[in-house]
Amino acid sequence: CGGRSIDYLQSSQCGAAPNNWNQESRECQATDGGNAYYKYANGV
């Protein structure tokens, strides 16, 4: 739905966002406090 994982990069994954996530900050920070929002996003 706009984004998916990059299958050739190790451990690439997509996941559900928590209620308080900030879209703008996530474009340059995929992890926060040990929580992975995503890893290596791929446009659809």
All heavy atoms as atom14 arrays in JSON, in Angstrom:
{
  "sequence": "CGGRSIDYLQSSQCGAAPNNWNQESRECQATDGGNAYYKYANGV",
  "atom14_mask": [
    [1, 1, 1, 1, 1, 1, 0, 0, 0, 0, 0, 0, 0, 0],
    [1, 1, 1, 1, 0, 0, 0, 0, 0, 0, 0, 0, 0, 0],
    [1, 1, 1, 1, 0, 0, 0, 0, 0, 0, 0, 0, 0, 0],
    [1, 1, 1, 1, 1, 1, 1, 1, 1, 1, 1, 0, 0, 0],
    [1, 1, 1, 1, 1, 1, 0, 0, 0, 0, 0, 0, 0, 0],
    [1, 1, 1, 1, 1, 1, 1, 1, 0, 0, 0, 0, 0, 0],
    [1, 1, 1, 1, 1, 1, 1, 1, 0, 0, 0, 0, 0, 0],
    [1, 1, 1, 1, 1, 1, 1, 1, 1, 1, 1, 1, 0, 0],
    [1, 1, 1, 1, 1, 1, 1, 1, 0, 0, 0, 0, 0, 0],
    [1, 1, 1, 1, 1, 1, 1, 1, 1, 0, 0, 0, 0, 0],
    [1, 1, 1, 1, 1, 1, 0, 0, 0, 0, 0, 0, 0, 0],
    [1, 1, 1, 1, 1, 1, 0, 0, 0, 0, 0, 0, 0, 0],
    [1, 1, 1, 1, 1, 1, 1, 1, 1, 0, 0, 0, 0, 0],
    [1, 1, 1, 1, 1, 1, 0, 0, 0, 0, 0, 0, 0, 0],
    [1, 1, 1, 1, 0, 0, 0, 0, 0, 0, 0, 0, 0, 0],
    [1, 1, 1, 1, 1, 0, 0, 0, 0, 0, 0, 0, 0, 0],
    [1, 1, 1, 1, 1, 0, 0, 0, 0, 0, 0, 0, 0, 0],
    [1, 1, 1, 1, 1, 1, 1, 0, 0, 0, 0, 0, 0, 0],
    [1, 1, 1, 1, 1, 1, 1, 1, 0, 0, 0, 0, 0, 0],
    [1, 1, 1, 1, 1, 1, 1, 1, 0, 0, 0, 0, 0, 0],
    [1, 1, 1, 1, 1, 1, 1, 1, 1, 1, 1, 1, 1, 1],
    [1, 1, 1, 1, 1, 1, 1, 1, 0, 0, 0, 0, 0, 0],
    [1, 1, 1, 1, 1, 1, 1, 1, 1, 0, 0, 0, 0, 0],
    [1, 1, 1, 1, 1, 1, 1, 1, 1, 0, 0, 0, 0, 0],
    [1, 1, 1, 1, 1, 1, 0, 0, 0, 0, 0, 0, 0, 0],
    [1, 1, 1, 1, 1, 1, 1, 1, 1, 1, 1, 0, 0, 0],
    [1, 1, 1, 1, 1, 1, 1, 1, 1, 0, 0, 0, 0, 0],
    [1, 1, 1, 1, 1, 1, 0, 0, 0, 0, 0, 0, 0, 0],
    [1, 1, 1, 1, 1, 1, 1, 1, 1, 0, 0, 0, 0, 0],
    [1, 1, 1, 1, 1, 0, 0, 0, 0, 0, 0, 0, 0, 0],
    [1, 1, 1, 1, 1, 1, 1, 0, 0, 0, 0, 0, 0, 0],
    [1, 1, 1, 1, 1, 1, 1, 1, 0, 0, 0, 0, 0, 0],
    [1, 1, 1, 1, 0, 0, 0, 0, 0, 0, 0, 0, 0, 0],
    [1, 1, 1, 1, 0, 0, 0, 0, 0, 0, 0, 0, 0, 0],
    [1, 1, 1, 1, 1, 1, 1, 1, 0, 0, 0, 0, 0, 0],
    [1, 1, 1, 1, 1, 0, 0, 0, 0, 0, 0, 0, 0, 0],
    [1, 1, 1, 1, 1, 1, 1, 1, 1, 1, 1, 1, 0, 0],
    [1, 1, 1, 1, 1, 1, 1, 1, 1, 1, 1, 1, 0, 0],
    [1, 1, 1, 1, 1, 1, 1, 1, 1, 0, 0, 0, 0, 0],
    [1, 1, 1, 1, 1, 1, 1, 1, 1, 1, 1, 1, 0, 0],
    [1, 1, 1, 1, 1, 0, 0, 0, 0, 0, 0, 0, 0, 0],
    [1, 1, 1, 1, 1, 1, 1, 1, 0, 0, 0, 0, 0, 0],
    [1, 1, 1, 1, 0, 0, 0, 0, 0, 0, 0, 0, 0, 0],
    [1, 1, 1, 1, 1, 1, 1, 0, 0, 0, 0, 0, 0, 0]
  ],
  "atom14_positions": [
    [[0.86, -1.19, 0.0], [0.0, 0.0, 0.0], [0.89, 1.22, 0.0], [0.82, 2.05, 0.9], [-0.95, -0.01, 1.18], [-0.14, -0.23, 2.76], [0.0, 0.0, 0.0], [0.0, 0.0, 0.0], [0.0, 0.0, 0.0], [0.0, 0.0, 0.0], [0.0, 0.0, 0.0], [0.0, 0.0, 0.0], [0.0, 0.0, 0.0], [0.0, 0.0, 0.0]],
    [[1.74, 1.32, -0.99], [2.68, 2.44, -1.1], [4.08, 2.06, -0.74], [5.03, 2.62, -1.27], [0.0, 0.0, 0.0], [0.0, 0.0, 0.0], [0.0, 0.0, 0.0], [0.0, 0.0, 0.0], [0.0, 0.0, 0.0], [0.0, 0.0, 0.0], [0.0, 0.0, 0.0], [0.0, 0.0, 0.0], [0.0, 0.0, 0.0], [0.0, 0.0, 0.0]],
    [[4.25, 1.12, 0.17], [5.58, 0.7, 0.57], [5.63, -0.76, 0.94], [4.65, -1.35, 1.4], [0.0, 0.0, 0.0], [0.0, 0.0, 0.0], [0.0, 0.0, 0.0], [0.0, 0.0, 0.0], [0.0, 0.0, 0.0], [0.0, 0.0, 0.0], [0.0, 0.0, 0.0], [0.0, 0.0, 0.0], [0.0, 0.0, 0.0], [0.0, 0.0, 0.0]],
    [[6.78, -1.36, 0.75], [7.02, -2.76, 1.09], [8.49, -2.9, 1.45], [9.23, -1.92, 1.44], [6.65, -3.67, -0.08], [7.43, -3.35, -1.35], [6.9, -4.09, -2.56], [7.55, -3.65, -3.78], [7.1, -3.91, -5.0], [5.98, -4.58, -5.16], [7.76, -3.47, -6.05], [0.0, 0.0, 0.0], [0.0, 0.0, 0.0], [0.0, 0.0, 0.0]],
    [[8.93, -4.09, 1.74], [10.32, -4.31, 2.11], [11.18, -4.49, 0.86], [10.68, -4.74, -0.23], [10.45, -5.54, 3.01], [9.97, -6.69, 2.31], [0.0, 0.0, 0.0], [0.0, 0.0, 0.0], [0.0, 0.0, 0.0], [0.0, 0.0, 0.0], [0.0, 0.0, 0.0], [0.0, 0.0, 0.0], [0.0, 0.0, 0.0], [0.0, 0.0, 0.0]],
    [[12.5, -4.34, 1.05], [13.46, -4.6, -0.03], [14.01, -6.0, 0.18], [14.81, -6.23, 1.09], [14.6, -3.55, -0.02], [14.03, -2.13, -0.16], [15.59, -3.82, -1.14], [15.08, -1.03, -0.05], [0.0, 0.0, 0.0], [0.0, 0.0, 0.0], [0.0, 0.0, 0.0], [0.0, 0.0, 0.0], [0.0, 0.0, 0.0], [0.0, 0.0, 0.0]],
    [[13.6, -6.92, -0.65], [13.87, -8.33, -0.35], [15.33, -8.72, -0.39], [15.73, -9.7, 0.22], [13.05, -9.24, -1.28], [13.28, -8.94, -2.75], [14.21, -8.17, -3.05], [12.53, -9.47, -3.59], [0.0, 0.0, 0.0], [0.0, 0.0, 0.0], [0.0, 0.0, 0.0], [0.0, 0.0, 0.0], [0.0, 0.0, 0.0], [0.0, 0.0, 0.0]],
    [[16.16, -7.95, -1.08], [17.57, -8.36, -1.18], [18.45, -7.76, -0.09], [19.65, -8.03, -0.04], [18.14, -8.06, -2.57], [18.28, -6.6, -2.91], [19.39, -5.86, -2.51], [17.31, -5.94, -3.67], [19.53, -4.53, -2.83], [17.43, -4.61, -4.0], [18.55, -3.91, -3.58], [18.68, -2.59, -3.91], [0.0, 0.0, 0.0], [0.0, 0.0, 0.0]],
    [[17.89, -6.93, 0.78], [18.66, -6.39, 1.89], [18.34, -7.17, 3.17], [17.17, -7.45, 3.47], [18.36, -4.9, 2.09], [18.81, -3.99, 0.95], [18.52, -2.54, 1.27], [20.29, -4.17, 0.64], [0.0, 0.0, 0.0], [0.0, 0.0, 0.0], [0.0, 0.0, 0.0], [0.0, 0.0, 0.0], [0.0, 0.0, 0.0], [0.0, 0.0, 0.0]],
    [[19.38, -7.48, 3.92], [19.25, -8.36, 5.07], [18.29, -7.8, 6.12], [18.41, -6.65, 6.54], [20.63, -8.59, 5.69], [20.69, -9.73, 6.68], [22.12, -9.98, 7.13], [22.61, -9.37, 8.07], [22.8, -10.89, 6.44], [0.0, 0.0, 0.0], [0.0, 0.0, 0.0], [0.0, 0.0, 0.0], [0.0, 0.0, 0.0], [0.0, 0.0, 0.0]],
    [[17.32, -8.64, 6.53], [16.37, -8.34, 7.61], [15.42, -7.2, 7.28], [14.84, -6.59, 8.18], [17.11, -8.02, 8.92], [17.96, -9.08, 9.29], [0.0, 0.0, 0.0], [0.0, 0.0, 0.0], [0.0, 0.0, 0.0], [0.0, 0.0, 0.0], [0.0, 0.0, 0.0], [0.0, 0.0, 0.0], [0.0, 0.0, 0.0], [0.0, 0.0, 0.0]],
    [[15.26, -6.88, 5.98], [14.32, -5.83, 5.61], [12.91, -6.23, 6.06], [12.5, -7.38, 5.9], [14.33, -5.61, 4.1], [13.41, -4.62, 3.72], [0.0, 0.0, 0.0], [0.0, 0.0, 0.0], [0.0, 0.0, 0.0], [0.0, 0.0, 0.0], [0.0, 0.0, 0.0], [0.0, 0.0, 0.0], [0.0, 0.0, 0.0], [0.0, 0.0, 0.0]],
    [[12.17, -5.26, 6.62], [10.83, -5.59, 7.13], [9.95, -4.35, 7.19], [10.42, -3.23, 7.28], [10.93, -6.17, 8.55], [11.52, -5.21, 9.56], [11.67, -5.8, 10.95], [11.71, -7.02, 11.11], [11.76, -4.95, 11.96], [0.0, 0.0, 0.0], [0.0, 0.0, 0.0], [0.0, 0.0, 0.0], [0.0, 0.0, 0.0], [0.0, 0.0, 0.0]],
    [[8.65, -4.57, 7.09], [7.67, -3.53, 7.29], [6.81, -3.92, 8.5], [6.64, -5.1, 8.79], [6.77, -3.37, 6.06], [7.64, -2.73, 4.6], [0.0, 0.0, 0.0], [0.0, 0.0, 0.0], [0.0, 0.0, 0.0], [0.0, 0.0, 0.0], [0.0, 0.0, 0.0], [0.0, 0.0, 0.0], [0.0, 0.0, 0.0], [0.0, 0.0, 0.0]],
    [[6.28, -2.92, 9.21], [5.49, -3.23, 10.4], [4.44, -2.19, 10.66], [4.43, -1.11, 10.06], [0.0, 0.0, 0.0], [0.0, 0.0, 0.0], [0.0, 0.0, 0.0], [0.0, 0.0, 0.0], [0.0, 0.0, 0.0], [0.0, 0.0, 0.0], [0.0, 0.0, 0.0], [0.0, 0.0, 0.0], [0.0, 0.0, 0.0], [0.0, 0.0, 0.0]],
    [[3.52, -2.5, 11.57], [2.44, -1.58, 11.92], [2.97, -0.46, 12.81], [3.81, -0.68, 13.68], [1.33, -2.34, 12.64], [0.0, 0.0, 0.0], [0.0, 0.0, 0.0], [0.0, 0.0, 0.0], [0.0, 0.0, 0.0], [0.0, 0.0, 0.0], [0.0, 0.0, 0.0], [0.0, 0.0, 0.0], [0.0, 0.0, 0.0], [0.0, 0.0, 0.0]],
    [[2.47, 0.75, 12.6], [2.95, 1.9, 13.35], [2.23, 2.01, 14.68], [1.04, 1.73, 14.77], [2.72, 3.17, 12.55], [0.0, 0.0, 0.0], [0.0, 0.0, 0.0], [0.0, 0.0, 0.0], [0.0, 0.0, 0.0], [0.0, 0.0, 0.0], [0.0, 0.0, 0.0], [0.0, 0.0, 0.0], [0.0, 0.0, 0.0], [0.0, 0.0, 0.0]],
    [[2.91, 2.45, 15.73], [2.23, 2.75, 16.99], [1.37, 4.0, 16.84], [1.49, 4.74, 15.87], [3.39, 2.98, 17.96], [4.52, 3.4, 17.09], [4.36, 2.67, 15.79], [0.0, 0.0, 0.0], [0.0, 0.0, 0.0], [0.0, 0.0, 0.0], [0.0, 0.0, 0.0], [0.0, 0.0, 0.0], [0.0, 0.0, 0.0], [0.0, 0.0, 0.0]],
    [[0.53, 4.24, 17.8], [-0.42, 5.35, 17.71], [0.25, 6.72, 17.7], [-0.28, 7.67, 17.13], [-1.41, 5.28, 18.87], [-2.31, 4.07, 18.78], [-2.62, 3.62, 17.67], [-2.72, 3.53, 19.92], [0.0, 0.0, 0.0], [0.0, 0.0, 0.0], [0.0, 0.0, 0.0], [0.0, 0.0, 0.0], [0.0, 0.0, 0.0], [0.0, 0.0, 0.0]],
    [[1.4, 6.83, 18.32], [2.02, 8.15, 18.49], [3.21, 8.38, 17.55], [4.04, 9.24, 17.82], [2.48, 8.33, 19.93], [3.54, 7.29, 20.32], [3.72, 6.31, 19.6], [4.21, 7.51, 21.44], [0.0, 0.0, 0.0], [0.0, 0.0, 0.0], [0.0, 0.0, 0.0], [0.0, 0.0, 0.0], [0.0, 0.0, 0.0], [0.0, 0.0, 0.0]],
    [[3.32, 7.66, 16.48], [4.49, 7.81, 15.62], [4.41, 9.09, 14.81], [3.34, 9.56, 14.44], [4.65, 6.6, 14.71], [3.68, 6.54, 13.56], [2.36, 6.22, 13.6], [3.99, 6.8, 12.18], [1.81, 6.26, 12.35], [2.79, 6.62, 11.46], [5.14, 7.17, 11.49], [2.72, 6.78, 10.08], [5.07, 7.33, 10.13], [3.87, 7.14, 9.43]],
    [[5.56, 9.68, 14.54], [5.68, 10.93, 13.79], [6.2, 10.63, 12.4], [7.33, 10.15, 12.23], [6.62, 11.9, 14.52], [6.73, 13.24, 13.82], [7.29, 13.34, 12.73], [6.19, 14.28, 14.44], [0.0, 0.0, 0.0], [0.0, 0.0, 0.0], [0.0, 0.0, 0.0], [0.0, 0.0, 0.0], [0.0, 0.0, 0.0], [0.0, 0.0, 0.0]],
    [[5.38, 10.9, 11.41], [5.72, 10.54, 10.03], [7.01, 11.21, 9.56], [7.89, 10.57, 9.0], [4.58, 10.92, 9.1], [4.9, 10.76, 7.61], [3.76, 11.22, 6.73], [2.6, 11.01, 7.07], [4.08, 11.85, 5.61], [0.0, 0.0, 0.0], [0.0, 0.0, 0.0], [0.0, 0.0, 0.0], [0.0, 0.0, 0.0], [0.0, 0.0, 0.0]],
    [[7.14, 12.51, 9.79], [8.29, 13.25, 9.27], [9.6, 12.74, 9.85], [10.59, 12.55, 9.13], [8.13, 14.74, 9.56], [9.23, 15.6, 8.95], [8.99, 17.07, 9.17], [7.88, 17.43, 9.61], [9.91, 17.86, 8.89], [0.0, 0.0, 0.0], [0.0, 0.0, 0.0], [0.0, 0.0, 0.0], [0.0, 0.0, 0.0], [0.0, 0.0, 0.0]],
    [[9.65, 12.5, 11.17], [10.89, 12.07, 11.8], [11.27, 10.66, 11.38], [12.45, 10.3, 11.4], [10.77, 12.15, 13.31], [9.81, 11.22, 13.79], [0.0, 0.0, 0.0], [0.0, 0.0, 0.0], [0.0, 0.0, 0.0], [0.0, 0.0, 0.0], [0.0, 0.0, 0.0], [0.0, 0.0, 0.0], [0.0, 0.0, 0.0], [0.0, 0.0, 0.0]],
    [[10.31, 9.85, 10.97], [10.6, 8.45, 10.64], [11.32, 8.31, 9.29], [11.91, 7.28, 9.02], [9.3, 7.63, 10.61], [8.63, 7.46, 11.97], [9.33, 6.42, 12.84], [10.55, 6.86, 13.46], [10.63, 7.58, 14.58], [9.54, 7.98, 15.19], [11.79, 7.91, 15.08], [0.0, 0.0, 0.0], [0.0, 0.0, 0.0], [0.0, 0.0, 0.0]],
    [[11.29, 9.33, 8.46], [11.95, 9.21, 7.15], [13.47, 9.17, 7.3], [14.16, 8.73, 6.39], [11.53, 10.35, 6.23], [10.09, 10.24, 5.79], [9.78, 11.11, 4.58], [10.56, 11.08, 3.61], [8.77, 11.83, 4.62], [0.0, 0.0, 0.0], [0.0, 0.0, 0.0], [0.0, 0.0, 0.0], [0.0, 0.0, 0.0], [0.0, 0.0, 0.0]],
    [[14.0, 9.64, 8.42], [15.43, 9.58, 8.65], [15.78, 8.8, 9.92], [16.93, 8.78, 10.34], [16.03, 10.98, 8.73], [16.13, 11.82, 7.13], [0.0, 0.0, 0.0], [0.0, 0.0, 0.0], [0.0, 0.0, 0.0], [0.0, 0.0, 0.0], [0.0, 0.0, 0.0], [0.0, 0.0, 0.0], [0.0, 0.0, 0.0], [0.0, 0.0, 0.0]],
    [[14.78, 8.19, 10.53], [15.04, 7.4, 11.74], [14.02, 6.26, 11.78], [12.86, 6.44, 12.15], [14.93, 8.25, 13.0], [15.34, 7.51, 14.26], [15.32, 8.41, 15.48], [15.19, 9.62, 15.37], [15.44, 7.81, 16.66], [0.0, 0.0, 0.0], [0.0, 0.0, 0.0], [0.0, 0.0, 0.0], [0.0, 0.0, 0.0], [0.0, 0.0, 0.0]],
    [[14.48, 5.07, 11.41], [13.58, 3.93, 11.34], [13.4, 3.24, 12.68], [12.45, 2.47, 12.86], [14.09, 2.92, 10.31], [0.0, 0.0, 0.0], [0.0, 0.0, 0.0], [0.0, 0.0, 0.0], [0.0, 0.0, 0.0], [0.0, 0.0, 0.0], [0.0, 0.0, 0.0], [0.0, 0.0, 0.0], [0.0, 0.0, 0.0], [0.0, 0.0, 0.0]],
    [[14.31, 3.47, 13.61], [14.22, 2.83, 14.93], [14.18, 3.9, 16.01], [14.71, 4.99, 15.84], [15.41, 1.89, 15.18], [16.63, 2.65, 15.1], [15.46, 0.78, 14.14], [0.0, 0.0, 0.0], [0.0, 0.0, 0.0], [0.0, 0.0, 0.0], [0.0, 0.0, 0.0], [0.0, 0.0, 0.0], [0.0, 0.0, 0.0], [0.0, 0.0, 0.0]],
    [[13.57, 3.55, 17.15], [13.47, 4.49, 18.26], [13.37, 3.7, 19.55], [12.41, 2.96, 19.76], [12.22, 5.37, 18.08], [12.13, 6.44, 19.16], [13.13, 6.66, 19.87], [11.06, 7.05, 19.28], [0.0, 0.0, 0.0], [0.0, 0.0, 0.0], [0.0, 0.0, 0.0], [0.0, 0.0, 0.0], [0.0, 0.0, 0.0], [0.0, 0.0, 0.0]],
    [[14.39, 3.85, 20.39], [14.36, 3.15, 21.67], [14.3, 1.65, 21.53], [13.69, 0.96, 22.35], [0.0, 0.0, 0.0], [0.0, 0.0, 0.0], [0.0, 0.0, 0.0], [0.0, 0.0, 0.0], [0.0, 0.0, 0.0], [0.0, 0.0, 0.0], [0.0, 0.0, 0.0], [0.0, 0.0, 0.0], [0.0, 0.0, 0.0], [0.0, 0.0, 0.0]],
    [[14.92, 1.13, 20.49], [14.91, -0.31, 20.26], [13.72, -0.81, 19.47], [13.67, -1.98, 19.07], [0.0, 0.0, 0.0], [0.0, 0.0, 0.0], [0.0, 0.0, 0.0], [0.0, 0.0, 0.0], [0.0, 0.0, 0.0], [0.0, 0.0, 0.0], [0.0, 0.0, 0.0], [0.0, 0.0, 0.0], [0.0, 0.0, 0.0], [0.0, 0.0, 0.0]],
    [[12.74, 0.07, 19.19], [11.57, -0.32, 18.39], [11.83, -0.04, 16.92], [12.21, 1.08, 16.56], [10.33, 0.45, 18.85], [9.97, 0.15, 20.29], [10.02, -0.99, 20.72], [9.63, 1.21, 21.04], [0.0, 0.0, 0.0], [0.0, 0.0, 0.0], [0.0, 0.0, 0.0], [0.0, 0.0, 0.0], [0.0, 0.0, 0.0], [0.0, 0.0, 0.0]],
    [[11.64, -1.02, 16.08], [11.83, -0.86, 14.64], [10.49, -0.54, 13.99], [9.57, -1.37, 14.01], [12.42, -2.12, 14.04], [0.0, 0.0, 0.0], [0.0, 0.0, 0.0], [0.0, 0.0, 0.0], [0.0, 0.0, 0.0], [0.0, 0.0, 0.0], [0.0, 0.0, 0.0], [0.0, 0.0, 0.0], [0.0, 0.0, 0.0], [0.0, 0.0, 0.0]],
    [[10.38, 0.66, 13.45], [9.17, 1.03, 12.72], [9.16, 0.36, 11.34], [8.12, -0.02, 10.82], [9.1, 2.54, 12.56], [8.89, 3.26, 13.87], [9.98, 3.67, 14.64], [7.62, 3.54, 14.33], [9.79, 4.34, 15.83], [7.42, 4.21, 15.53], [8.51, 4.6, 16.28], [8.33, 5.26, 17.47], [0.0, 0.0, 0.0], [0.0, 0.0, 0.0]],
    [[10.32, 0.27, 10.74], [10.49, -0.42, 9.46], [11.98, -0.6, 9.25], [12.81, -0.08, 10.01], [9.88, 0.4, 8.31], [10.63, 1.69, 8.01], [11.55, 1.78, 6.97], [10.4, 2.84, 8.77], [12.23, 2.96, 6.7], [11.08, 4.02, 8.51], [11.99, 4.08, 7.47], [12.65, 5.24, 7.2], [0.0, 0.0, 0.0], [0.0, 0.0, 0.0]],
    [[12.35, -1.34, 8.25], [13.75, -1.51, 7.9], [13.85, -1.66, 6.39], [13.4, -2.66, 5.83], [14.36, -2.73, 8.61], [15.86, -2.84, 8.44], [16.44, -3.98, 9.29], [17.96, -4.03, 9.17], [18.54, -5.11, 10.01], [0.0, 0.0, 0.0], [0.0, 0.0, 0.0], [0.0, 0.0, 0.0], [0.0, 0.0, 0.0], [0.0, 0.0, 0.0]],
    [[14.39, -0.64, 5.73], [14.59, -0.62, 4.28], [13.25, -0.66, 3.54], [12.78, -1.72, 3.12], [15.49, -1.77, 3.82], [16.77, -1.89, 4.6], [17.23, -3.12, 5.06], [17.52, -0.76, 4.92], [18.4, -3.23, 5.77], [18.7, -0.87, 5.65], [19.12, -2.11, 6.08], [20.28, -2.2, 6.81], [0.0, 0.0, 0.0], [0.0, 0.0, 0.0]],
    [[12.65, 0.5, 3.37], [11.37, 0.62, 2.67], [11.59, 0.66, 1.16], [12.57, 1.2, 0.67], [10.63, 1.87, 3.13], [0.0, 0.0, 0.0], [0.0, 0.0, 0.0], [0.0, 0.0, 0.0], [0.0, 0.0, 0.0], [0.0, 0.0, 0.0], [0.0, 0.0, 0.0], [0.0, 0.0, 0.0], [0.0, 0.0, 0.0], [0.0, 0.0, 0.0]],
    [[10.62, 0.1, 0.45], [10.68, 0.0, -1.01], [9.37, 0.51, -1.58], [8.29, 0.05, -1.18], [10.89, -1.46, -1.41], [11.29, -1.6, -2.87], [11.53, -0.61, -3.56], [11.36, -2.83, -3.34], [0.0, 0.0, 0.0], [0.0, 0.0, 0.0], [0.0, 0.0, 0.0], [0.0, 0.0, 0.0], [0.0, 0.0, 0.0], [0.0, 0.0, 0.0]],
    [[9.43, 1.5, -2.46], [8.21, 2.04, -3.05], [7.51, 1.04, -3.94], [8.15, 0.26, -4.66], [0.0, 0.0, 0.0], [0.0, 0.0, 0.0], [0.0, 0.0, 0.0], [0.0, 0.0, 0.0], [0.0, 0.0, 0.0], [0.0, 0.0, 0.0], [0.0, 0.0, 0.0], [0.0, 0.0, 0.0], [0.0, 0.0, 0.0], [0.0, 0.0, 0.0]],
    [[6.19, 1.06, -3.92], [5.39, 0.16, -4.77], [5.17, 0.75, -6.15], [5.37, 0.09, -7.17], [4.04, -0.15, -4.1], [3.14, -0.94, -5.04], [4.24, -0.91, -2.8], [0.0, 0.0, 0.0], [0.0, 0.0, 0.0], [0.0, 0.0, 0.0], [0.0, 0.0, 0.0], [0.0, 0.0, 0.0], [0.0, 0.0, 0.0], [0.0, 0.0, 0.0]]
  ]
}
